Protein backbone atom coordinates (compact mmCIF):
# COMPACT_ATOMS: atom_id res chain seq x y z
CA UNK A 1 15.94 -14.14 -13.94
CA UNK A 2 16.09 -11.67 -11.04
CA UNK A 3 14.45 -12.55 -7.76
CA UNK A 4 12.70 -9.84 -5.75
CA UNK A 5 13.85 -9.82 -2.12
CA UNK A 6 11.12 -10.76 0.36
CA UNK A 7 11.50 -7.41 2.16
CA UNK A 8 10.71 -5.54 -1.06
CA UNK A 9 7.44 -7.41 -1.45
CA UNK A 10 6.14 -6.66 2.04
CA UNK A 11 7.57 -3.16 2.59
CA UNK A 12 5.76 -0.40 0.69
CA UNK A 13 7.93 2.27 -0.88
CA UNK A 14 8.03 5.78 0.59
CA UNK A 15 5.95 7.04 -2.34
CA UNK A 16 3.31 4.35 -1.74
CA UNK A 17 3.10 5.31 1.93
CA UNK A 18 2.72 9.01 1.10
CA UNK A 19 0.17 8.19 -1.61
CA UNK A 20 -1.91 6.18 0.89
CA UNK A 21 -1.83 9.09 3.34
CA UNK A 22 -2.89 11.50 0.59
CA UNK A 23 -5.83 9.20 -0.28
CA UNK A 24 -6.89 9.62 3.36
CA UNK A 25 -6.56 13.39 3.00
CA UNK A 26 -3.40 13.76 5.08
CA UNK A 27 0.13 14.97 4.50
CA UNK A 28 3.12 13.64 6.42
CA UNK A 29 3.10 16.78 8.53
CA UNK A 30 -0.60 16.39 9.36
CA UNK A 31 -0.13 12.70 10.18
CA UNK A 32 2.77 13.52 12.49
CA UNK A 33 0.84 16.27 14.29
CA UNK A 34 -2.30 14.14 14.64
CA UNK A 35 -0.37 11.34 16.33
CA UNK A 36 2.01 13.44 18.41
CA UNK A 37 5.17 12.68 16.42
CA UNK A 38 7.81 15.05 15.13
CA UNK A 39 7.58 15.48 11.36
CA UNK A 40 11.28 14.61 11.05
CA UNK A 41 10.77 11.29 12.84
CA UNK A 42 7.91 10.27 10.52
CA UNK A 43 9.89 11.34 7.46
CA UNK A 44 13.00 9.44 8.62
CA UNK A 45 11.00 6.25 9.24
CA UNK A 46 9.33 6.41 5.84
CA UNK A 47 12.63 7.09 4.05
CA UNK A 48 14.36 4.27 5.93
CA UNK A 49 16.81 6.52 7.79
CA UNK A 50 15.34 5.24 11.07
CA UNK A 51 14.72 1.52 11.12
CA UNK A 52 11.88 1.77 13.62
CA UNK A 53 12.49 -1.40 15.59
CA UNK A 54 12.12 0.36 18.95
CA UNK A 55 11.17 3.67 20.54
CA UNK A 56 9.35 6.42 18.71
CA UNK A 57 10.33 5.03 15.31
CA UNK A 58 8.56 1.78 16.17
CA UNK A 59 5.47 3.69 17.25
CA UNK A 60 5.44 5.51 13.90
CA UNK A 61 5.73 2.23 11.98
CA UNK A 62 2.85 0.74 13.98
CA UNK A 63 0.61 3.79 13.37
CA UNK A 64 1.38 3.62 9.65
CA UNK A 65 0.56 -0.07 9.60
CA UNK A 66 4.08 -1.05 8.53
CA UNK A 67 5.64 -4.36 9.59
CA UNK A 68 7.83 -4.25 12.71
CA UNK A 69 10.63 -6.70 13.45
CA UNK A 70 10.19 -8.16 16.95
């Protein structure tokens, strides 16, 4: 039997994050503009290209309500 890694249970997928934004009536681009982030930064954080443990990536994770490693 396969075990699901703990990270997978707590971290929503990029599609889940985008779906939640769409339920709120926002696109990634609109979310980025509303919070003063570059679209590319938000996209990179959601896709996992930027980890988001510090700096602007961390700010994006916090605004999205994603867990941040301290």
